[in-house]
Amino acid sequence: MDLFDKNLQNNLKKEAPLAERMRPQNLEEFEGQKNIIGPGKLLRQAVEEDQVPSIIFWGPPGSGKTTLARIIAEMTKSSFVQISAVTSGIKDLREIIRSAQERRKYQNKKTILFIDEVHRWNKSQQDALLPYVENGTLILIGATTENPSFEVNSALLSRCRVFVLEALSIHDIESIIKNAISNKESGLGNLKIKADDKTVYYLATLSNGDARIALNALEFAVKATRPNPQGAIVLEKDLIKEALQKSHYLYDKGGEQHYNIISALHKSLRGSDADAALYWMARMLEAGEDPLYIARRLVRFASEDVGMADPQALVQATTAYQACHFIGMPECNVILAQATVYLALAKKSVELYRAYGKVKEDVANSMDEPVPLHLRNAPTKLMKDLGYGKDYKYNPNYDEPVIQEYFPEKLKGRKYLDK
């Protein structure tokens, strides 16, 4: 590295976004995740003893996955290589492996390969990495916002320890914001910034546990605010709200959050908690979920969990689906709200759901039983001669209950419904 390269790095560091400048350099500065990296925890002991295994960090955006990987590499004196699964492929991996082998051979130095969004690598790319994780050429630290059980090959997953990172708490975010405001070396401490506790709390609350969002909004608000006559930059709630522009939601229509939230909606409906059901429904809708997807789930719920206890539930749900199809968003939000509340408050019965489960089991585990002759139609003479329709009793012709068998011979007497 020459003098110009060093100057470039220094300039980039000074001009880097606040979130990058405030990135913790050690575990003492690191906020949150005490459940996995706190004193005495297994991962911390492994780092301190330089015995770090291959790891996958699974957690929401802004929870510290990248920062923690860098700190681990620094504490273990390993060479740190960072790539993104979005922009890198097998060609890049081969070069990294070659360099790691030379580093181990000539310097006896380990290499930590940090792959951001590792879930975006396909099966062949993950398979190419596997032998070098297995033989110790690379220590893998993968970061993912998606459930690794679904997105990472089982062979690779079995060679890694999975650590679940939680969204940062409001208290953690408040600490990060206050540190950024006061820090003169990397933060905004050289500016005269005034932000009361309520404003800091407001920013922390709306950041969804994402430190990057909080710091980006803070930096934008500071840069966009003119100092008052006393030279102070005063941050207030309205300014923070404008800077934050909360149009982001922790929700991926094809990912873990999608399934978690629809599950929460379904279970809230089942538990007759209309308020919670409305909340989860709105979380999906406001994050951009297709309203027809939600409507279809409500239609299913109307029969699965309400069923014959309130037959009007299905009418409400299907009508809501049709109405959503007609007018779309945002007008259909109240329609889905109506259907959601109706289903939450309706009486519940899973009799139909359980009955169909029993029927399905019989259909799967029994032979294709023939239809009894008396239940068959006989449109031709041959069929009549063969006994089709013989002895069938036409129910409307009888005032009294008709006794006749409707099941196949081997399933006589089956009862699927509770009544």
Protein backbone atom coordinates (compact mmCIF):
# COMPACT_ATOMS: atom_id res chain seq x y z
CA MET A 1 0.00 0.00 0.00
CA ASP A 2 1.48 3.39 -1.03
CA LEU A 3 0.83 6.86 0.36
CA PHE A 4 -2.01 7.52 -2.08
CA ASP A 5 -3.80 4.30 -1.11
CA LYS A 6 -3.49 5.23 2.55
CA ASN A 7 -4.88 8.70 1.90
CA LEU A 8 -7.75 7.18 -0.05
CA GLN A 9 -8.62 4.85 2.81
CA ASN A 10 -8.48 7.68 5.33
CA ASN A 11 -10.73 9.87 3.19
CA LEU A 12 -13.21 7.07 2.64
CA LYS A 13 -13.31 6.37 6.38
CA LYS A 14 -13.99 10.04 7.16
CA GLU A 15 -16.69 10.32 4.54
CA ALA A 16 -18.28 6.95 5.19
CA PRO A 17 -21.88 6.89 6.41
CA LEU A 18 -22.35 7.27 10.14
CA ALA A 19 -23.48 3.65 10.47
CA GLU A 20 -20.17 2.48 9.02
CA ARG A 21 -18.04 4.86 11.08
CA MET A 22 -19.78 3.78 14.29
CA ARG A 23 -19.33 0.09 13.67
CA PRO A 24 -18.01 -1.45 16.97
CA GLN A 25 -14.39 -2.55 16.96
CA ASN A 26 -14.55 -4.99 19.86
CA LEU A 27 -17.00 -6.97 21.96
CA GLU A 28 -17.05 -4.32 24.70
CA GLU A 29 -18.47 -1.79 22.22
CA PHE A 30 -20.89 -4.28 20.71
CA GLU A 31 -24.52 -3.72 21.71
CA GLY A 32 -26.99 -6.58 22.11
CA GLN A 33 -26.76 -10.34 21.53
CA LYS A 34 -25.62 -11.00 25.11
CA ASN A 35 -27.35 -14.37 24.83
CA ILE A 36 -24.64 -15.61 22.46
CA ILE A 37 -21.65 -13.31 22.94
CA GLY A 38 -21.93 -12.23 26.56
CA PRO A 39 -19.28 -13.16 29.16
CA GLY A 40 -19.08 -16.90 29.71
CA LYS A 41 -21.11 -17.76 26.61
CA LEU A 42 -19.88 -20.58 24.38
CA LEU A 43 -19.18 -18.45 21.31
CA ARG A 44 -17.29 -15.84 23.29
CA GLN A 45 -15.12 -18.51 24.90
CA ALA A 46 -14.40 -20.00 21.48
CA VAL A 47 -13.36 -16.58 20.16
CA GLU A 48 -11.16 -15.81 23.16
CA GLU A 49 -9.44 -19.21 22.85
CA ASP A 50 -9.08 -18.84 19.06
CA GLN A 51 -11.11 -21.99 18.45
CA VAL A 52 -13.88 -20.56 16.29
CA PRO A 53 -15.82 -23.13 14.25
CA SER A 54 -17.66 -22.39 11.04
CA ILE A 55 -20.73 -20.36 11.91
CA ILE A 56 -23.97 -19.14 10.44
CA PHE A 57 -25.48 -16.02 11.95
CA TRP A 58 -29.23 -15.94 11.40
CA GLY A 59 -30.99 -12.73 12.29
CA PRO A 60 -32.86 -9.66 11.04
CA PRO A 61 -31.17 -6.74 9.24
CA GLY A 62 -29.10 -4.43 11.43
CA SER A 63 -28.68 -6.93 14.28
CA GLY A 64 -24.87 -7.00 14.01
CA LYS A 65 -24.05 -10.05 11.88
CA THR A 66 -21.34 -8.39 9.78
CA THR A 67 -19.89 -6.46 12.70
CA LEU A 68 -19.66 -9.56 14.86
CA ALA A 69 -17.88 -11.46 12.07
CA ARG A 70 -15.30 -8.68 11.75
CA ILE A 71 -14.71 -8.56 15.49
CA ILE A 72 -14.21 -12.32 15.58
CA ALA A 73 -11.67 -12.13 12.77
CA GLU A 74 -9.79 -9.33 14.57
CA MET A 75 -9.78 -11.12 17.93
CA THR A 76 -8.54 -14.38 16.42
CA LYS A 77 -5.90 -12.68 14.26
CA SER A 78 -7.33 -14.37 11.20
CA SER A 79 -7.32 -12.99 7.72
CA PHE A 80 -10.81 -11.67 7.00
CA VAL A 81 -12.34 -11.96 3.54
CA GLN A 82 -15.82 -10.59 2.95
CA ILE A 83 -17.99 -11.28 -0.07
CA SER A 84 -21.65 -11.00 -0.92
CA ALA A 85 -23.53 -14.00 -2.24
CA VAL A 86 -25.43 -11.62 -4.53
CA THR A 87 -22.37 -10.49 -6.51
CA SER A 88 -19.87 -13.34 -6.02
CA GLY A 89 -19.75 -16.83 -7.45
CA ILE A 90 -17.59 -19.94 -7.82
CA LYS A 91 -14.84 -18.08 -9.71
CA ASP A 92 -14.39 -15.70 -6.77
CA LEU A 93 -14.49 -18.63 -4.34
CA ARG A 94 -11.66 -20.43 -6.17
CA GLU A 95 -9.41 -17.39 -5.86
CA ILE A 96 -10.24 -17.03 -2.17
CA ILE A 97 -9.46 -20.72 -1.60
CA ARG A 98 -6.12 -20.42 -3.41
CA SER A 99 -5.12 -17.41 -1.30
CA ALA A 100 -6.28 -19.12 1.91
CA GLN A 101 -4.18 -22.21 1.12
CA GLU A 102 -1.07 -20.05 0.50
CA ARG A 103 -1.74 -18.04 3.66
CA ARG A 104 -1.97 -21.21 5.71
CA LYS A 105 1.10 -22.70 4.03
CA TYR A 106 3.49 -19.75 4.26
CA GLN A 107 2.14 -17.73 7.19
CA ASN A 108 0.28 -20.39 9.19
CA LYS A 109 -2.62 -17.95 9.27
CA LYS A 110 -6.27 -18.91 9.21
CA THR A 111 -8.80 -17.36 6.86
CA ILE A 112 -12.30 -16.40 7.84
CA LEU A 113 -14.60 -16.15 4.85
CA PHE A 114 -17.61 -14.02 5.61
CA ILE A 115 -20.46 -14.52 3.11
CA ASP A 116 -23.21 -11.98 3.43
CA GLU A 117 -26.66 -13.24 2.41
CA VAL A 118 -25.31 -16.77 2.15
CA HIS A 119 -28.85 -18.04 1.49
CA ARG A 120 -28.63 -16.53 -2.00
CA TRP A 121 -25.95 -18.98 -3.09
CA ASN A 122 -27.43 -21.89 -5.02
CA LYS A 123 -26.80 -25.57 -4.29
CA SER A 124 -23.79 -25.94 -6.61
CA GLN A 125 -22.10 -22.87 -5.15
CA GLN A 126 -22.64 -24.13 -1.60
CA ASP A 127 -21.40 -27.59 -2.61
CA ALA A 128 -18.19 -26.05 -4.01
CA LEU A 129 -17.53 -24.44 -0.63
CA LEU A 130 -18.20 -27.57 1.43
CA PRO A 131 -14.85 -29.47 1.08
CA TYR A 132 -12.82 -26.44 2.14
CA VAL A 133 -14.95 -25.82 5.19
CA GLU A 134 -14.67 -29.50 6.03
CA ASN A 135 -10.85 -29.66 5.76
CA GLY A 136 -10.29 -26.36 7.57
CA THR A 137 -8.95 -24.33 4.64
CA LEU A 138 -11.69 -21.80 5.37
CA ILE A 139 -13.62 -20.90 8.48
CA LEU A 140 -17.02 -19.91 7.18
CA ILE A 141 -19.12 -17.22 8.78
CA GLY A 142 -22.34 -16.91 6.86
CA ALA A 143 -24.96 -14.26 7.48
CA THR A 144 -28.58 -14.73 6.55
CA THR A 145 -31.93 -13.16 7.26
CA GLU A 146 -33.67 -16.36 6.16
CA ASN A 147 -34.14 -19.62 8.03
CA PRO A 148 -30.95 -21.62 7.27
CA SER A 149 -32.89 -24.87 7.65
CA PHE A 150 -34.61 -24.03 4.38
CA GLU A 151 -31.95 -22.01 2.55
CA VAL A 152 -28.62 -23.68 3.34
CA ASN A 153 -27.68 -27.16 2.11
CA SER A 154 -27.99 -29.74 4.87
CA ALA A 155 -24.41 -30.94 4.29
CA LEU A 156 -22.99 -27.46 4.76
CA LEU A 157 -25.38 -26.68 7.60
CA SER A 158 -24.26 -29.80 9.50
CA ARG A 159 -20.69 -28.47 9.54
CA CYS A 160 -21.65 -25.10 10.97
CA ARG A 161 -22.92 -23.84 14.30
CA VAL A 162 -26.05 -21.74 13.88
CA PHE A 163 -26.41 -18.73 16.17
CA VAL A 164 -29.69 -16.84 16.19
CA LEU A 165 -29.35 -13.08 16.53
CA GLU A 166 -32.33 -11.13 17.82
CA ALA A 167 -33.44 -7.69 16.69
CA LEU A 168 -31.79 -5.11 18.90
CA SER A 169 -33.90 -3.89 21.80
CA ILE A 170 -35.07 -0.30 22.08
CA HIS A 171 -32.59 0.13 24.93
CA ASP A 172 -29.74 -1.14 22.72
CA ILE A 173 -30.70 1.25 19.92
CA GLU A 174 -30.95 4.17 22.36
CA SER A 175 -27.40 3.45 23.55
CA ILE A 176 -26.13 3.33 19.97
CA ILE A 177 -27.84 6.65 19.10
CA LYS A 178 -26.53 8.45 22.19
CA ASN A 179 -23.03 7.14 21.54
CA ALA A 180 -23.15 8.37 17.94
CA ILE A 181 -24.24 11.83 19.09
CA SER A 182 -21.47 12.14 21.68
CA ASN A 183 -18.60 10.32 19.93
CA LYS A 184 -16.11 12.93 18.66
CA GLU A 185 -13.77 10.55 16.86
CA SER A 186 -16.19 8.59 14.67
CA GLY A 187 -19.60 10.05 15.39
CA LEU A 188 -21.25 13.46 15.55
CA GLY A 189 -19.66 14.65 18.79
CA ASN A 190 -17.97 17.63 17.15
CA LEU A 191 -21.39 19.07 16.34
CA LYS A 192 -23.60 20.72 18.90
CA ILE A 193 -26.58 18.36 18.78
CA LYS A 194 -29.49 18.51 21.16
CA ALA A 195 -31.88 15.55 21.32
CA ASP A 196 -33.94 14.87 24.41
CA ASP A 197 -34.68 11.38 25.71
CA LYS A 198 -38.16 11.34 24.15
CA THR A 199 -36.76 12.05 20.69
CA VAL A 200 -34.06 9.39 21.04
CA TYR A 201 -36.65 6.91 22.26
CA TYR A 202 -38.93 7.77 19.34
CA LEU A 203 -36.15 7.12 16.82
CA ALA A 204 -35.18 3.90 18.56
CA THR A 205 -38.79 2.69 18.57
CA LEU A 206 -39.33 3.26 14.85
CA SER A 207 -36.05 1.63 13.82
CA ASN A 208 -37.43 -1.93 14.07
CA GLY A 209 -34.40 -3.11 16.03
CA ASP A 210 -32.11 -2.15 13.13
CA ALA A 211 -29.12 -0.05 14.20
CA ARG A 212 -28.31 0.90 10.61
CA ILE A 213 -31.75 2.42 10.06
CA ALA A 214 -31.48 4.41 13.28
CA LEU A 215 -28.03 5.82 12.46
CA ASN A 216 -28.90 6.60 8.84
CA ALA A 217 -32.00 8.51 9.93
CA LEU A 218 -30.04 10.32 12.64
CA GLU A 219 -27.33 11.36 10.19
CA PHE A 220 -29.84 12.58 7.60
CA ALA A 221 -31.77 14.57 10.19
CA VAL A 222 -28.59 16.24 11.43
CA LYS A 223 -27.36 17.13 7.95
CA ALA A 224 -30.77 18.48 6.91
CA THR A 225 -31.23 20.70 10.00
CA ARG A 226 -29.92 24.23 10.17
CA PRO A 227 -28.31 25.21 13.47
CA ASN A 228 -30.30 27.64 15.63
CA PRO A 229 -28.89 31.10 16.53
CA GLN A 230 -26.90 29.48 19.33
CA GLY A 231 -25.29 27.10 16.84
CA ALA A 232 -27.11 24.01 18.11
CA ILE A 233 -28.81 21.41 15.93
CA VAL A 234 -32.04 20.61 17.71
CA LEU A 235 -33.63 17.29 16.82
CA GLU A 236 -37.36 16.87 17.41
CA LYS A 237 -39.85 14.06 16.83
CA ASP A 238 -41.38 15.56 13.68
CA LEU A 239 -37.95 15.96 12.13
CA ILE A 240 -37.00 12.39 13.01
CA LYS A 241 -40.26 11.12 11.53
CA GLU A 242 -39.57 12.93 8.28
CA ALA A 243 -35.97 11.70 8.16
CA LEU A 244 -36.96 8.13 8.89
CA GLN A 245 -39.79 8.02 6.36
CA LYS A 246 -40.97 4.65 7.65
CA SER A 247 -41.84 2.88 4.46
CA HIS A 248 -39.76 -0.18 5.32
CA TYR A 249 -41.11 -3.18 7.15
CA LEU A 250 -39.38 -6.32 8.33
CA TYR A 251 -41.30 -8.51 5.96
CA ASP A 252 -40.38 -10.66 2.99
CA LYS A 253 -43.29 -12.05 1.00
CA GLY A 254 -41.31 -15.19 0.24
CA GLY A 255 -39.39 -15.58 3.45
CA GLU A 256 -39.49 -16.46 7.11
CA GLN A 257 -41.40 -13.38 8.25
CA HIS A 258 -44.15 -14.06 5.72
CA TYR A 259 -44.85 -17.48 7.20
CA ASN A 260 -44.40 -16.34 10.79
CA ILE A 261 -46.92 -13.52 10.44
CA ILE A 262 -49.57 -15.50 8.56
CA SER A 263 -49.22 -18.13 11.28
CA ALA A 264 -49.71 -15.45 13.94
CA LEU A 265 -52.80 -14.18 12.11
CA HIS A 266 -54.30 -17.66 11.87
CA LYS A 267 -53.66 -18.45 15.52
CA SER A 268 -55.04 -15.09 16.67
CA LEU A 269 -58.23 -15.77 14.70
CA ARG A 270 -58.43 -19.24 16.20
CA GLY A 271 -58.01 -17.76 19.67
CA SER A 272 -60.82 -15.23 19.00
CA ASP A 273 -58.51 -12.27 19.63
CA ALA A 274 -59.87 -9.77 17.11
CA ASP A 275 -57.41 -7.03 18.06
CA ALA A 276 -54.33 -9.20 17.59
CA ALA A 277 -55.75 -10.62 14.35
CA LEU A 278 -56.26 -7.08 13.02
CA TYR A 279 -52.68 -6.20 13.94
CA TRP A 280 -51.11 -9.16 12.13
CA MET A 281 -53.35 -8.66 9.12
CA ALA A 282 -52.32 -5.00 8.91
CA ARG A 283 -48.63 -5.91 9.29
CA MET A 284 -48.88 -7.99 6.15
CA LEU A 285 -51.04 -5.56 4.20
CA GLU A 286 -49.00 -2.44 4.98
CA ALA A 287 -45.77 -4.26 4.07
CA GLY A 288 -47.08 -4.85 0.56
CA GLU A 289 -48.60 -8.31 0.79
CA ASP A 290 -51.09 -9.17 -1.94
CA PRO A 291 -54.53 -8.56 -0.36
CA LEU A 292 -55.90 -11.54 -2.29
CA TYR A 293 -53.39 -13.80 -0.54
CA ILE A 294 -54.72 -12.67 2.83
CA ALA A 295 -58.30 -13.03 1.60
CA ARG A 296 -57.62 -16.60 0.44
CA ARG A 297 -56.25 -17.48 3.87
CA LEU A 298 -59.40 -16.05 5.47
CA VAL A 299 -61.57 -18.16 3.16
CA ARG A 300 -59.70 -21.26 4.22
CA PHE A 301 -59.98 -20.32 7.89
CA ALA A 302 -63.75 -19.83 7.53
CA SER A 303 -64.20 -23.53 6.84
CA GLU A 304 -61.24 -24.99 8.71
CA ASP A 305 -61.75 -23.28 12.07
CA VAL A 306 -65.32 -21.94 11.99
CA GLY A 307 -67.08 -24.41 9.76
CA MET A 308 -70.63 -25.41 10.67
CA ALA A 309 -70.54 -23.42 13.93
CA ASP A 310 -71.25 -20.35 11.79
CA PRO A 311 -71.86 -21.09 8.09
CA GLN A 312 -72.07 -17.36 7.40
CA ALA A 313 -68.33 -17.11 8.01
CA LEU A 314 -67.60 -18.61 4.62
CA VAL A 315 -70.03 -16.16 3.02
CA GLN A 316 -68.24 -13.25 4.70
CA ALA A 317 -64.80 -14.50 3.66
CA THR A 318 -65.64 -15.23 0.03
CA THR A 319 -67.46 -11.91 -0.29
CA ALA A 320 -64.40 -10.16 1.11
CA TYR A 321 -62.23 -11.93 -1.46
CA GLN A 322 -64.49 -10.80 -4.31
CA ALA A 323 -64.60 -7.23 -2.98
CA CYS A 324 -60.81 -7.10 -2.69
CA HIS A 325 -60.56 -8.36 -6.26
CA PHE A 326 -62.93 -5.63 -7.45
CA ILE A 327 -61.36 -2.58 -5.82
CA GLY A 328 -57.83 -3.54 -4.74
CA MET A 329 -55.57 -1.56 -2.40
CA PRO A 330 -55.75 0.69 -0.50
CA GLU A 331 -59.56 0.72 -0.44
CA CYS A 332 -59.89 -2.98 0.33
CA ASN A 333 -58.06 -2.69 3.66
CA VAL A 334 -61.26 -2.09 5.61
CA ILE A 335 -62.93 -4.99 3.82
CA LEU A 336 -60.23 -7.35 5.00
CA ALA A 337 -60.51 -5.81 8.45
CA GLN A 338 -64.25 -6.59 8.51
CA ALA A 339 -63.74 -10.19 7.48
CA THR A 340 -60.88 -10.61 9.96
CA VAL A 341 -62.93 -9.32 12.89
CA TYR A 342 -65.98 -11.40 11.91
CA LEU A 343 -63.91 -14.59 11.78
CA ALA A 344 -62.16 -13.80 15.05
CA LEU A 345 -65.46 -13.28 16.88
CA ALA A 346 -67.32 -16.18 15.23
CA LYS A 347 -67.95 -19.43 17.09
CA LYS A 348 -65.36 -22.02 16.24
CA SER A 349 -65.61 -25.64 15.17
CA VAL A 350 -62.97 -27.89 13.63
CA GLU A 351 -65.42 -30.74 13.09
CA LEU A 352 -65.27 -30.45 9.30
CA TYR A 353 -61.47 -30.19 9.31
CA ARG A 354 -61.09 -33.30 11.44
CA ALA A 355 -63.76 -35.18 9.53
CA TYR A 356 -62.03 -34.57 6.24
CA GLY A 357 -58.76 -35.72 7.76
CA LYS A 358 -60.38 -39.05 8.65
CA VAL A 359 -61.90 -39.35 5.19
CA LYS A 360 -58.56 -38.60 3.56
CA GLU A 361 -56.90 -41.31 5.63
CA ASP A 362 -59.53 -43.88 4.59
CA VAL A 363 -59.19 -42.90 0.95
CA ALA A 364 -55.41 -43.23 1.11
CA ASN A 365 -55.30 -46.49 3.07
CA SER A 366 -58.12 -48.45 1.47
CA MET A 367 -58.54 -49.84 -2.00
CA ASP A 368 -60.65 -48.00 -4.55
CA GLU A 369 -63.79 -49.61 -3.24
CA PRO A 370 -66.48 -50.18 -5.88
CA VAL A 371 -69.67 -48.13 -5.70
CA PRO A 372 -72.53 -50.35 -4.42
CA LEU A 373 -74.78 -51.45 -7.29
CA HIS A 374 -77.91 -49.81 -5.93
CA LEU A 375 -76.17 -46.40 -5.95
CA ARG A 376 -75.14 -46.60 -9.60
CA ASN A 377 -77.10 -45.05 -12.44
CA ALA A 378 -78.35 -47.39 -15.18
CA PRO A 379 -78.69 -45.43 -18.44
CA THR A 380 -78.49 -48.58 -20.63
CA LYS A 381 -80.33 -51.91 -20.68
CA LEU A 382 -77.08 -53.80 -20.13
CA MET A 383 -76.42 -51.87 -16.96
CA LYS A 384 -79.92 -52.59 -15.69
CA ASP A 385 -79.44 -56.26 -16.46
CA LEU A 386 -76.22 -56.17 -14.43
CA GLY A 387 -78.12 -54.85 -11.41
CA TYR A 388 -77.17 -51.17 -11.60
CA GLY A 389 -79.65 -49.14 -9.56
CA LYS A 390 -81.54 -52.21 -8.36
CA ASP A 391 -83.34 -51.79 -5.02
CA TYR A 392 -82.33 -48.11 -4.74
CA LYS A 393 -84.86 -46.22 -2.60
CA TYR A 394 -85.62 -42.71 -3.89
CA ASN A 395 -85.73 -40.75 -0.65
CA PRO A 396 -88.40 -38.16 -1.63
CA ASN A 397 -90.89 -41.00 -2.15
CA TYR A 398 -90.81 -41.89 1.52
CA ASP A 399 -92.30 -40.03 4.47
CA GLU A 400 -90.32 -42.03 7.00
CA PRO A 401 -86.51 -42.17 7.20
CA VAL A 402 -85.02 -44.42 4.54
CA ILE A 403 -82.72 -47.16 5.70
CA GLN A 404 -80.16 -47.91 3.03
CA GLU A 405 -76.38 -48.16 2.84
CA TYR A 406 -74.36 -45.46 1.09
CA PHE A 407 -70.85 -46.64 1.94
CA PRO A 408 -68.85 -49.30 0.07
CA GLU A 409 -69.13 -52.74 1.63
CA LYS A 410 -65.79 -52.60 3.46
CA LEU A 411 -66.45 -49.17 4.96
CA LYS A 412 -69.93 -49.76 6.34
CA GLY A 413 -70.68 -47.90 9.53
CA ARG A 414 -67.88 -45.33 9.20
CA LYS A 415 -68.46 -42.11 11.21
CA TYR A 416 -66.41 -39.05 10.40
CA LEU A 417 -68.50 -36.31 11.98
CA ASP A 418 -68.90 -35.93 15.72
CA LYS A 419 -72.69 -35.68 15.51
